[in-house]
Protein backbone atom coordinates (compact mmCIF):
# COMPACT_ATOMS: atom_id res chain seq x y z
CA MET A 1 -9.67 -15.12 -6.03
CA LYS A 2 -8.47 -18.34 -4.73
CA ARG A 3 -7.00 -21.72 -5.72
CA THR A 4 -9.50 -24.48 -5.15
CA LYS A 5 -7.91 -27.89 -6.68
CA GLY A 6 -5.81 -26.48 -9.03
CA LYS A 7 -9.28 -24.51 -10.57
CA VAL A 8 -9.29 -20.78 -9.95
CA ALA A 9 -12.75 -19.76 -8.08
CA ASP A 10 -14.23 -16.24 -7.80
CA ALA A 11 -14.34 -14.75 -4.09
CA LYS A 12 -17.47 -13.32 -4.61
CA ASN A 13 -19.88 -16.55 -4.95
CA ASN A 14 -20.73 -16.12 -8.30
CA GLY A 15 -20.20 -19.44 -9.54
CA GLY A 16 -16.90 -19.60 -10.65
CA PHE A 17 -15.49 -17.46 -14.15
CA HIS A 18 -17.35 -17.47 -17.55
CA ASP A 19 -14.19 -16.77 -18.95
CA LEU A 20 -11.13 -17.08 -16.88
CA ARG A 21 -8.69 -15.87 -19.77
CA ALA A 22 -10.92 -12.38 -20.62
CA TYR A 23 -10.82 -12.10 -16.66
CA LYS A 24 -6.93 -12.28 -16.82
CA LYS A 25 -6.67 -9.64 -19.51
CA ALA A 26 -9.04 -7.34 -17.34
CA GLU A 27 -6.66 -7.99 -14.33
CA ALA A 28 -3.72 -7.03 -16.61
CA MET A 29 -5.64 -3.61 -17.55
CA LEU A 30 -5.99 -3.14 -14.01
CA ARG A 31 -2.23 -4.07 -12.71
CA ASN A 32 -0.30 -2.60 -15.75
CA HIS A 33 -1.78 0.96 -16.42
CA ASP A 34 0.59 3.63 -16.69
CA TYR A 35 -2.29 6.31 -15.49
CA THR A 36 -1.65 9.08 -12.60
CA GLU A 37 -4.82 9.49 -11.41
CA ALA A 38 -7.00 6.20 -12.35
CA ARG A 39 -10.54 5.61 -11.85
CA LEU A 40 -12.40 2.18 -12.66
CA TYR A 41 -16.37 3.10 -13.28
CA HIS A 42 -18.94 0.28 -13.79
CA LEU A 43 -21.32 1.06 -16.00
CA CYS A 44 -24.64 -0.78 -17.17
CA PHE A 45 -26.58 -0.25 -20.03
CA THR A 46 -30.17 -1.62 -20.69
CA ASP A 47 -33.37 -1.31 -22.48
CA SER A 48 -32.47 -2.65 -25.84
CA GLU A 49 -32.32 -6.07 -27.54
CA ASP A 50 -30.02 -4.64 -30.39
CA LYS A 51 -26.19 -5.49 -29.36
CA ALA A 52 -24.90 -2.79 -31.79
CA THR A 53 -26.84 -0.11 -30.09
CA TYR A 54 -24.70 -1.08 -26.83
CA LEU A 55 -21.54 -1.35 -29.20
CA ALA A 56 -22.51 2.29 -30.48
CA ALA A 57 -22.88 3.79 -27.12
CA VAL A 58 -19.43 2.25 -25.52
CA LYS A 59 -17.54 3.42 -28.78
CA ALA A 60 -19.08 6.67 -28.43
CA LEU A 61 -18.66 7.13 -24.84
CA ALA A 62 -14.75 6.39 -25.22
CA GLU A 63 -14.32 8.70 -28.10
CA HIS A 64 -16.09 11.39 -26.25
CA LEU A 65 -13.80 10.91 -23.48
CA ARG A 66 -10.62 10.55 -25.60
CA LYS A 67 -11.94 13.69 -27.46
CA ASN A 68 -11.94 15.44 -23.77
CA LYS A 69 -8.35 14.32 -23.24
CA ILE A 70 -9.20 11.39 -20.98
CA ARG A 71 -7.48 8.53 -21.96
CA CYS A 72 -9.64 5.34 -21.23
CA GLN A 73 -9.94 1.39 -21.64
CA TYR A 74 -12.51 -0.83 -21.37
CA LYS A 75 -13.62 -4.39 -20.89
CA ALA A 76 -17.15 -5.17 -21.78
CA GLY A 77 -19.92 -8.08 -21.44
CA LEU A 78 -23.11 -8.12 -23.50
CA GLU A 79 -25.00 -10.86 -21.85
CA MET A 80 -28.43 -12.07 -22.00
CA SER A 81 -29.59 -12.80 -18.01
CA LYS A 82 -32.01 -15.73 -17.58
CA THR A 83 -34.86 -13.37 -17.91
CA ASP A 84 -33.86 -13.09 -21.32
CA LYS A 85 -32.78 -9.41 -21.44
CA LEU A 86 -30.15 -8.32 -22.91
CA HIS A 87 -27.85 -6.02 -21.48
CA MET A 88 -24.06 -4.52 -21.34
CA HIS A 89 -21.86 -4.28 -18.44
CA VAL A 90 -18.78 -2.01 -19.00
CA PHE A 91 -15.92 -1.43 -16.55
CA ILE A 92 -14.23 1.49 -18.03
CA LEU A 93 -10.62 2.66 -16.37
CA VAL A 94 -10.00 6.43 -17.01
CA GLU A 95 -7.21 8.57 -16.08
CA ALA A 96 -8.36 11.76 -14.34
CA HIS A 97 -5.47 13.55 -14.03
CA LEU A 98 -5.79 16.14 -16.42
CA ASN A 99 -9.21 16.22 -16.90
CA ASN A 100 -12.21 15.21 -14.52
CA PRO A 101 -14.30 12.57 -16.05
CA ASP A 102 -17.04 12.77 -13.69
CA HIS A 103 -18.85 15.49 -16.22
CA ILE A 104 -19.54 12.84 -18.64
CA LEU A 105 -19.79 9.72 -16.48
CA ASN A 106 -22.96 10.59 -14.40
CA ARG A 107 -26.58 10.30 -14.28
CA LYS A 108 -27.14 14.00 -14.30
CA THR A 109 -30.41 14.60 -16.37
CA ASP A 110 -29.03 16.94 -18.98
CA GLY A 111 -25.54 15.16 -18.79
CA TRP A 112 -23.53 14.24 -22.07
CA LEU A 113 -24.29 10.44 -21.38
CA THR A 114 -28.01 10.62 -20.28
CA LEU A 115 -28.65 12.72 -23.79
CA LEU A 116 -26.28 9.95 -25.93
CA CYS A 117 -28.47 7.11 -24.23
CA LEU A 118 -31.52 8.98 -24.87
CA ARG A 119 -30.84 9.53 -28.60
CA LYS A 120 -29.94 5.76 -28.61
CA GLY A 121 -33.00 4.80 -26.89
CA ILE A 122 -31.43 3.03 -23.86
CA ASP A 123 -30.90 3.58 -20.46
CA PHE A 124 -27.91 3.13 -18.22
CA TYR A 125 -27.15 3.39 -14.53
CA LEU A 126 -23.55 3.47 -12.64
CA ASN A 127 -22.59 0.56 -10.10
CA HIS A 128 -20.59 2.26 -7.09
CA PRO A 129 -17.83 0.21 -5.85
CA ARG A 130 -19.13 -1.08 -2.15
CA ASN A 131 -15.95 -1.07 -0.39
CA PRO A 132 -15.64 1.80 1.75
CA MET A 133 -11.67 2.19 0.38
CA HIS A 134 -13.00 4.14 -2.11
CA TYR A 135 -15.38 6.38 -0.23
CA GLY A 136 -14.40 10.11 -0.42
CA ARG A 137 -12.65 11.74 2.72
CA ASP A 138 -15.66 12.48 4.18
CA GLY A 139 -17.46 9.33 3.64
CA SER A 140 -19.27 9.85 0.74
CA GLN A 141 -19.70 7.12 -2.01
CA LYS A 142 -18.28 7.63 -4.83
CA ASN A 143 -19.06 6.70 -8.87
CA TYR A 144 -15.73 4.87 -9.14
CA ALA A 145 -12.87 3.32 -7.50
CA THR A 146 -9.34 4.76 -7.31
CA VAL A 147 -6.87 2.55 -8.84
CA PRO A 148 -3.54 4.11 -7.59
CA LYS A 149 -0.23 1.37 -8.58
CA THR A 150 0.72 2.56 -5.13
CA LYS A 151 -1.98 0.93 -3.14
CA PRO A 152 -2.20 -2.84 -3.81
CA GLU A 153 -5.41 -3.35 -1.52
CA LYS A 154 -6.99 -1.14 -4.13
CA ILE A 155 -5.90 -2.67 -7.03
CA GLU A 156 -6.97 -6.15 -5.13
CA ASP A 157 -10.09 -4.61 -4.64
CA CYS A 158 -10.61 -3.60 -8.14
CA CYS A 159 -9.78 -6.78 -9.42
CA THR A 160 -12.67 -8.71 -7.74
CA TRP A 161 -14.60 -5.76 -8.47
CA ILE A 162 -14.24 -6.75 -11.96
CA GLN A 163 -14.87 -10.04 -11.70
CA TYR A 164 -18.35 -9.61 -12.03
CA LEU A 165 -18.31 -8.78 -15.39
CA TYR A 166 -16.89 -12.63 -15.98
CA LYS A 167 -19.42 -14.16 -13.55
CA ASN A 168 -21.12 -17.60 -14.03
CA ARG A 169 -24.02 -17.15 -12.05
CA ASP A 170 -27.30 -15.74 -13.53
CA LYS A 171 -26.00 -16.42 -17.11
CA SER A 172 -28.28 -17.63 -19.72
CA PRO A 173 -27.30 -20.95 -21.71
CA ALA A 174 -25.88 -18.33 -24.73
CA GLY A 175 -23.59 -17.02 -22.42
CA THR A 176 -21.78 -13.46 -22.43
CA VAL A 177 -19.88 -11.93 -25.45
CA TYR A 178 -17.01 -10.19 -24.53
CA PHE A 179 -15.67 -6.72 -26.20
CA SER A 180 -12.42 -4.28 -24.95
CA SER A 181 -10.97 -1.01 -26.23
CA ARG A 182 -7.44 -1.38 -27.83
CA PRO A 183 -5.42 0.44 -25.80
CA GLU A 184 -3.04 1.30 -28.56
CA ARG A 185 -5.66 3.59 -29.79
CA GLU A 186 -5.38 5.84 -26.49
CA ILE A 187 -4.63 9.69 -26.78
CA ARG A 188 -1.50 10.32 -24.67
CA ALA A 189 -2.10 13.61 -23.01
């Protein structure tokens, strides 16, 4: 993020921020978490024109992660693209120290999240982080970015990645509606 003549503009040429205040809250989530092994996933839910369906899916996902003793927080945006397709972006920050969230957050045909989406009549995809700093030791691309408190360069990259949720480019005049979890509802493992 850079400042230009007193205004904040994003670094990804996305037309500036749709909601700078909401972005600042997302940035605080990334910078101020107390997770030992934090991971950031970006999901996009599609194929429904019903806001309640998307919200129910995100709520069910967070509850399922928490029931599996995986602490999580999320920031989400329900948006209407210029092609009038409703969809929801979700950036979910999870604690992977005690339990690996990959068994839930994946595209396996018999996976929990895939089955949830089938029941709700929606689809989803996982957006991988593009920066190689988040790749595995063997160079493989992961479904998530790591957000360790001891690596400021990774936190900065995640702050840039989460800017996508608050972009101004490709938004319809109706704009975006933002949602987030309530960290006080987290389980403490």
